[in-house]
């Protein structure tokens, strides 16, 4: 961990802490960063699902699984 000095909007931090259920400003910032990273992962997963036509094996994978 790195210690740093930041200017933080206290109202936003308090609102985020309430939503995230975090007890300290440090925990709130850490949880918020994790949420941003996770949101990006979910967005990329949804894009892949849309691009590839859903979740599950492709037609080719199904054919291979069914063949002896």
PDB file of N, CA and C in Angstrom:
ATOM      1  N   UNK A   1       0.835  -1.183   0.000  1.00  0.00           N
ATOM      2  CA  UNK A   1       0.000   0.000   0.000  1.00  0.00           C
ATOM      3  C   UNK A   1       0.879   1.246   0.000  1.00  0.00           C
ATOM      4  N   UNK A   2       0.380   2.251  -0.669  1.00  0.00           N
ATOM      5  CA  UNK A   2       1.062   3.526  -0.722  1.00  0.00           C
ATOM      6  C   UNK A   2       0.241   4.561   0.024  1.00  0.00           C
ATOM      7  N   UNK A   3       0.903   5.353   0.808  1.00  0.00           N
ATOM      8  CA  UNK A   3       0.224   6.433   1.514  1.00  0.00           C
ATOM      9  C   UNK A   3       0.304   7.676   0.651  1.00  0.00           C
ATOM     10  N   UNK A   4      -0.839   8.392   0.531  1.00  0.00           N
ATOM     11  CA  UNK A   4      -0.877   9.581  -0.309  1.00  0.00           C
ATOM     12  C   UNK A   4      -1.843  10.594   0.275  1.00  0.00           C
ATOM     13  N   UNK A   5      -1.766  11.789  -0.227  1.00  0.00           N
ATOM     14  CA  UNK A   5      -2.654  12.860   0.222  1.00  0.00           C
ATOM     15  C   UNK A   5      -3.612  13.194  -0.917  1.00  0.00           C
ATOM     16  N   UNK A   6      -4.907  13.247  -0.607  1.00  0.00           N
ATOM     17  CA  UNK A   6      -5.917  13.516  -1.627  1.00  0.00           C
ATOM     18  C   UNK A   6      -6.923  14.541  -1.131  1.00  0.00           C
ATOM     19  N   UNK A   7      -7.507  15.243  -2.057  1.00  0.00           N
ATOM     20  CA  UNK A   7      -8.665  16.082  -1.752  1.00  0.00           C
ATOM     21  C   UNK A   7      -9.892  15.250  -2.097  1.00  0.00           C
ATOM     22  N   UNK A   8     -10.739  14.999  -1.108  1.00  0.00           N
ATOM     23  CA  UNK A   8     -11.896  14.121  -1.288  1.00  0.00           C
ATOM     24  C   UNK A   8     -13.170  14.900  -0.982  1.00  0.00           C
ATOM     25  N   UNK A   9     -14.170  14.728  -1.837  1.00  0.00           N
ATOM     26  CA  UNK A   9     -15.491  15.290  -1.564  1.00  0.00           C
ATOM     27  C   UNK A   9     -16.106  14.440  -0.459  1.00  0.00           C
ATOM     28  N   UNK A  10     -16.196  14.989   0.737  1.00  0.00           N
ATOM     29  CA  UNK A  10     -16.655  14.217   1.901  1.00  0.00           C
ATOM     30  C   UNK A  10     -18.082  13.704   1.734  1.00  0.00           C
ATOM     31  N   UNK A  11     -18.949  14.493   1.122  1.00  0.00           N
ATOM     32  CA  UNK A  11     -20.329  14.039   0.922  1.00  0.00           C
ATOM     33  C   UNK A  11     -20.374  12.811   0.021  1.00  0.00           C
ATOM     34  N   UNK A  12     -19.592  12.835  -1.057  1.00  0.00           N
ATOM     35  CA  UNK A  12     -19.531  11.673  -1.956  1.00  0.00           C
ATOM     36  C   UNK A  12     -18.937  10.476  -1.233  1.00  0.00           C
ATOM     37  N   UNK A  13     -17.891  10.717  -0.458  1.00  0.00           N
ATOM     38  CA  UNK A  13     -17.246   9.625   0.273  1.00  0.00           C
ATOM     39  C   UNK A  13     -18.207   9.006   1.283  1.00  0.00           C
ATOM     40  N   UNK A  14     -18.976   9.844   1.969  1.00  0.00           N
ATOM     41  CA  UNK A  14     -19.944   9.326   2.937  1.00  0.00           C
ATOM     42  C   UNK A  14     -21.054   8.543   2.250  1.00  0.00           C
ATOM     43  N   UNK A  15     -21.526   9.055   1.108  1.00  0.00           N
ATOM     44  CA  UNK A  15     -22.566   8.349   0.359  1.00  0.00           C
ATOM     45  C   UNK A  15     -22.034   7.000  -0.142  1.00  0.00           C
ATOM     46  N   UNK A  16     -20.800   6.992  -0.643  1.00  0.00           N
ATOM     47  CA  UNK A  16     -20.200   5.745  -1.121  1.00  0.00           C
ATOM     48  C   UNK A  16     -20.009   4.764   0.026  1.00  0.00           C
ATOM     49  N   UNK A  17     -19.555   5.254   1.174  1.00  0.00           N
ATOM     50  CA  UNK A  17     -19.350   4.389   2.339  1.00  0.00           C
ATOM     51  C   UNK A  17     -20.658   3.743   2.763  1.00  0.00           C
ATOM     52  N   UNK A  18     -21.728   4.511   2.709  1.00  0.00           N
ATOM     53  CA  UNK A  18     -23.045   3.976   3.075  1.00  0.00           C
ATOM     54  C   UNK A  18     -23.456   2.868   2.101  1.00  0.00           C
ATOM     55  N   UNK A  19     -23.267   3.114   0.809  1.00  0.00           N
ATOM     56  CA  UNK A  19     -23.622   2.117  -0.212  1.00  0.00           C
ATOM     57  C   UNK A  19     -22.744   0.871  -0.120  1.00  0.00           C
ATOM     58  N   UNK A  20     -21.468   1.079   0.148  1.00  0.00           N
ATOM     59  CA  UNK A  20     -20.517  -0.028   0.173  1.00  0.00           C
ATOM     60  C   UNK A  20     -20.432  -0.719   1.527  1.00  0.00           C
ATOM     61  N   UNK A  21     -20.950  -0.059   2.547  1.00  0.00           N
ATOM     62  CA  UNK A  21     -20.894  -0.633   3.887  1.00  0.00           C
ATOM     63  C   UNK A  21     -19.492  -0.640   4.473  1.00  0.00           C
ATOM     64  N   UNK A  22     -18.703   0.364   4.128  1.00  0.00           N
ATOM     65  CA  UNK A  22     -17.318   0.426   4.591  1.00  0.00           C
ATOM     66  C   UNK A  22     -17.195   1.369   5.790  1.00  0.00           C
ATOM     67  N   UNK A  23     -16.308   1.016   6.735  1.00  0.00           N
ATOM     68  CA  UNK A  23     -16.209   1.791   7.978  1.00  0.00           C
ATOM     69  C   UNK A  23     -15.265   2.985   7.928  1.00  0.00           C
ATOM     70  N   UNK A  24     -14.325   2.989   6.979  1.00  0.00           N
ATOM     71  CA  UNK A  24     -13.328   4.062   6.944  1.00  0.00           C
ATOM     72  C   UNK A  24     -13.204   4.627   5.540  1.00  0.00           C
ATOM     73  N   UNK A  25     -12.600   5.794   5.445  1.00  0.00           N
ATOM     74  CA  UNK A  25     -12.377   6.409   4.140  1.00  0.00           C
ATOM     75  C   UNK A  25     -11.460   5.531   3.291  1.00  0.00           C
ATOM     76  N   UNK A  26     -10.423   4.992   3.899  1.00  0.00           N
ATOM     77  CA  UNK A  26      -9.505   4.113   3.168  1.00  0.00           C
ATOM     78  C   UNK A  26     -10.242   2.891   2.614  1.00  0.00           C
ATOM     79  N   UNK A  27     -11.060   2.277   3.444  1.00  0.00           N
ATOM     80  CA  UNK A  27     -11.826   1.108   2.997  1.00  0.00           C
ATOM     81  C   UNK A  27     -12.807   1.492   1.893  1.00  0.00           C
ATOM     82  N   UNK A  28     -13.385   2.666   2.001  1.00  0.00           N
ATOM     83  CA  UNK A  28     -14.337   3.142   0.988  1.00  0.00           C
ATOM     84  C   UNK A  28     -13.644   3.337  -0.354  1.00  0.00           C
ATOM     85  N   UNK A  29     -12.501   3.979  -0.342  1.00  0.00           N
ATOM     86  CA  UNK A  29     -11.767   4.204  -1.589  1.00  0.00           C
ATOM     87  C   UNK A  29     -11.345   2.872  -2.196  1.00  0.00           C
ATOM     88  N   UNK A  30     -10.841   1.962  -1.371  1.00  0.00           N
ATOM     89  CA  UNK A  30     -10.420   0.650  -1.865  1.00  0.00           C
ATOM     90  C   UNK A  30     -11.607  -0.111  -2.458  1.00  0.00           C
ATOM     91  N   UNK A  31     -12.730  -0.115  -1.758  1.00  0.00           N
ATOM     92  CA  UNK A  31     -13.922  -0.813  -2.250  1.00  0.00           C
ATOM     93  C   UNK A  31     -14.440  -0.163  -3.536  1.00  0.00           C
ATOM     94  N   UNK A  32     -14.391   1.156  -3.614  1.00  0.00           N
ATOM     95  CA  UNK A  32     -14.858   1.850  -4.817  1.00  0.00           C
ATOM     96  C   UNK A  32     -13.977   1.504  -6.015  1.00  0.00           C
ATOM     97  N   UNK A  33     -12.670   1.443  -5.806  1.00  0.00           N
ATOM     98  CA  UNK A  33     -11.766   1.059  -6.889  1.00  0.00           C
ATOM     99  C   UNK A  33     -12.050  -0.371  -7.344  1.00  0.00           C
ATOM    100  N   UNK A  34     -12.288  -1.255  -6.393  1.00  0.00           N
ATOM    101  CA  UNK A  34     -12.631  -2.637  -6.724  1.00  0.00           C
ATOM    102  C   UNK A  34     -13.923  -2.689  -7.534  1.00  0.00           C
ATOM    103  N   UNK A  35     -14.911  -1.892  -7.147  1.00  0.00           N
ATOM    104  CA  UNK A  35     -16.184  -1.849  -7.881  1.00  0.00           C
ATOM    105  C   UNK A  35     -15.979  -1.392  -9.322  1.00  0.00           C
ATOM    106  N   UNK A  36     -15.132  -0.397  -9.535  1.00  0.00           N
ATOM    107  CA  UNK A  36     -14.867   0.100 -10.892  1.00  0.00           C
ATOM    108  C   UNK A  36     -14.210  -0.995 -11.732  1.00  0.00           C
ATOM    109  N   UNK A  37     -13.232  -1.674 -11.157  1.00  0.00           N
ATOM    110  CA  UNK A  37     -12.547  -2.757 -11.867  1.00  0.00           C
ATOM    111  C   UNK A  37     -13.523  -3.888 -12.189  1.00  0.00           C
ATOM    112  N   UNK A  38     -14.338  -4.274 -11.205  1.00  0.00           N
ATOM    113  CA  UNK A  38     -15.321  -5.343 -11.420  1.00  0.00           C
ATOM    114  C   UNK A  38     -16.372  -4.945 -12.454  1.00  0.00           C
ATOM    115  N   UNK A  39     -16.793  -3.677 -12.434  1.00  0.00           N
ATOM    116  CA  UNK A  39     -17.777  -3.207 -13.416  1.00  0.00           C
ATOM    117  C   UNK A  39     -17.213  -3.317 -14.833  1.00  0.00           C
ATOM    118  N   UNK A  40     -15.930  -2.999 -14.984  1.00  0.00           N
ATOM    119  CA  UNK A  40     -15.308  -3.115 -16.301  1.00  0.00           C
ATOM    120  C   UNK A  40     -15.246  -4.575 -16.740  1.00  0.00           C
ATOM    121  N   UNK A  41     -14.937  -5.474 -15.816  1.00  0.00           N
ATOM    122  CA  UNK A  41     -14.917  -6.906 -16.158  1.00  0.00           C
ATOM    123  C   UNK A  41     -16.298  -7.380 -16.585  1.00  0.00           C
ATOM    124  N   UNK A  42     -17.331  -6.951 -15.850  1.00  0.00           N
ATOM    125  CA  UNK A  42     -18.698  -7.340 -16.224  1.00  0.00           C
ATOM    126  C   UNK A  42     -19.076  -6.783 -17.592  1.00  0.00           C
ATOM    127  N   UNK A  43     -18.696  -5.534 -17.854  1.00  0.00           N
ATOM    128  CA  UNK A  43     -18.986  -4.914 -19.152  1.00  0.00           C
ATOM    129  C   UNK A  43     -18.325  -5.690 -20.278  1.00  0.00           C
ATOM    130  N   UNK A  44     -17.047  -6.059 -20.091  1.00  0.00           N
ATOM    131  CA  UNK A  44     -16.343  -6.807 -21.127  1.00  0.00           C
ATOM    132  C   UNK A  44     -16.943  -8.196 -21.318  1.00  0.00           C
ATOM    133  N   UNK A  45     -17.379  -8.834 -20.232  1.00  0.00           N
ATOM    134  CA  UNK A  45     -18.023 -10.145 -20.339  1.00  0.00           C
ATOM    135  C   UNK A  45     -19.322 -10.035 -21.128  1.00  0.00           C
ATOM    136  N   UNK A  46     -20.132  -9.018 -20.829  1.00  0.00           N
ATOM    137  CA  UNK A  46     -21.391  -8.836 -21.564  1.00  0.00           C
ATOM    138  C   UNK A  46     -21.137  -8.560 -23.040  1.00  0.00           C
ATOM    139  N   UNK A  47     -20.107  -7.771 -23.336  1.00  0.00           N
ATOM    140  CA  UNK A  47     -19.766  -7.524 -24.741  1.00  0.00           C
ATOM    141  C   UNK A  47     -19.387  -8.823 -25.435  1.00  0.00           C
ATOM    142  N   UNK A  48     -18.619  -9.677 -24.745  1.00  0.00           N
ATOM    143  CA  UNK A  48     -18.226 -10.953 -25.332  1.00  0.00           C
ATOM    144  C   UNK A  48     -19.432 -11.855 -25.538  1.00  0.00           C
ATOM    145  N   UNK A  49     -20.349 -11.874 -24.574  1.00  0.00           N
ATOM    146  CA  UNK A  49     -21.557 -12.690 -24.699  1.00  0.00           C
ATOM    147  C   UNK A  49     -22.382 -12.224 -25.898  1.00  0.00           C
ATOM    148  N   UNK A  50     -22.541 -10.906 -26.039  1.00  0.00           N
ATOM    149  CA  UNK A  50     -23.294 -10.368 -27.180  1.00  0.00           C
ATOM    150  C   UNK A  50     -22.596 -10.695 -28.494  1.00  0.00           C
ATOM    151  N   UNK A  51     -21.286 -10.522 -28.533  1.00  0.00           N
ATOM    152  CA  UNK A  51     -20.520 -10.764 -29.760  1.00  0.00           C
ATOM    153  C   UNK A  51     -20.565 -12.234 -30.158  1.00  0.00           C
ATOM    154  N   UNK A  52     -20.457 -13.120 -29.160  1.00  0.00           N
ATOM    155  CA  UNK A  52     -20.374 -14.553 -29.451  1.00  0.00           C
ATOM    156  C   UNK A  52     -21.735 -15.242 -29.469  1.00  0.00           C
ATOM    157  N   UNK A  53     -22.798 -14.500 -29.255  1.00  0.00           N
ATOM    158  CA  UNK A  53     -24.135 -15.081 -29.358  1.00  0.00           C
ATOM    159  C   UNK A  53     -24.609 -15.837 -28.137  1.00  0.00           C
ATOM    160  N   UNK A  54     -24.124 -15.503 -26.984  1.00  0.00           N
ATOM    161  CA  UNK A  54     -24.618 -16.121 -25.759  1.00  0.00           C
ATOM    162  C   UNK A  54     -23.546 -16.836 -24.971  1.00  0.00           C
ATOM    163  N   UNK A  55     -24.012 -17.538 -23.957  1.00  0.00           N
ATOM    164  CA  UNK A  55     -23.117 -18.293 -23.083  1.00  0.00           C
ATOM    165  C   UNK A  55     -23.274 -19.768 -23.421  1.00  0.00           C
ATOM    166  N   UNK A  56     -22.183 -20.481 -23.377  1.00  0.00           N
ATOM    167  CA  UNK A  56     -22.243 -21.909 -23.633  1.00  0.00           C
ATOM    168  C   UNK A  56     -21.377 -22.286 -24.803  1.00  0.00           C
ATOM    169  N   UNK A  57     -21.380 -23.555 -25.113  1.00  0.00           N
ATOM    170  CA  UNK A  57     -20.529 -24.027 -26.202  1.00  0.00           C
ATOM    171  C   UNK A  57     -21.020 -23.515 -27.551  1.00  0.00           C
ATOM    172  N   UNK A  58     -20.080 -23.324 -28.434  1.00  0.00           N
ATOM    173  CA  UNK A  58     -20.422 -22.929 -29.801  1.00  0.00           C
ATOM    174  C   UNK A  58     -20.982 -24.144 -30.530  1.00  0.00           C
ATOM    175  N   UNK A  59     -21.530 -23.917 -31.710  1.00  0.00           N
ATOM    176  CA  UNK A  59     -22.037 -25.044 -32.514  1.00  0.00           C
ATOM    177  C   UNK A  59     -20.929 -26.054 -32.776  1.00  0.00           C
ATOM    178  N   UNK A  60     -19.742 -25.569 -33.085  1.00  0.00           N
ATOM    179  CA  UNK A  60     -18.601 -26.460 -33.343  1.00  0.00           C
ATOM    180  C   UNK A  60     -18.258 -27.262 -32.088  1.00  0.00           C
ATOM    181  N   UNK A  61     -18.245 -26.637 -30.940  1.00  0.00           N
ATOM    182  CA  UNK A  61     -17.949 -27.350 -29.696  1.00  0.00           C
ATOM    183  C   UNK A  61     -19.020 -28.403 -29.403  1.00  0.00           C
ATOM    184  N   UNK A  62     -20.277 -28.090 -29.660  1.00  0.00           N
ATOM    185  CA  UNK A  62     -21.357 -29.063 -29.462  1.00  0.00           C
ATOM    186  C   UNK A  62     -21.175 -30.270 -30.368  1.00  0.00           C
ATOM    187  N   UNK A  63     -20.806 -30.033 -31.629  1.00  0.00           N
ATOM    188  CA  UNK A  63     -20.577 -31.143 -32.568  1.00  0.00           C
ATOM    189  C   UNK A  63     -19.446 -32.039 -32.062  1.00  0.00           C
ATOM    190  N   UNK A  64     -18.358 -31.438 -31.594  1.00  0.00           N
ATOM    191  CA  UNK A  64     -17.245 -32.233 -31.088  1.00  0.00           C
ATOM    192  C   UNK A  64     -17.648 -33.024 -29.845  1.00  0.00           C
ATOM    193  N   UNK A  65     -18.436 -32.419 -28.975  1.00  0.00           N
ATOM    194  CA  UNK A  65     -18.865 -33.104 -27.754  1.00  0.00           C
ATOM    195  C   UNK A  65     -19.779 -34.284 -28.060  1.00  0.00           C
ATOM    196  N   UNK A  66     -20.584 -34.172 -29.120  1.00  0.00           N
ATOM    197  CA  UNK A  66     -21.546 -35.228 -29.466  1.00  0.00           C
ATOM    198  C   UNK A  66     -20.926 -36.354 -30.274  1.00  0.00           C
ATOM    199  N   UNK A  67     -19.827 -36.069 -30.940  1.00  0.00           N
ATOM    200  CA  UNK A  67     -19.233 -37.123 -31.781  1.00  0.00           C
ATOM    201  C   UNK A  67     -18.451 -38.107 -30.909  1.00  0.00           C
ATOM    202  N   UNK A  68     -18.488 -39.403 -31.311  1.00  0.00           N
ATOM    203  CA  UNK A  68     -17.821 -40.454 -30.512  1.00  0.00           C
ATOM    204  C   UNK A  68     -16.316 -40.349 -30.485  1.00  0.00           C
TER     205      UNK A  68
END
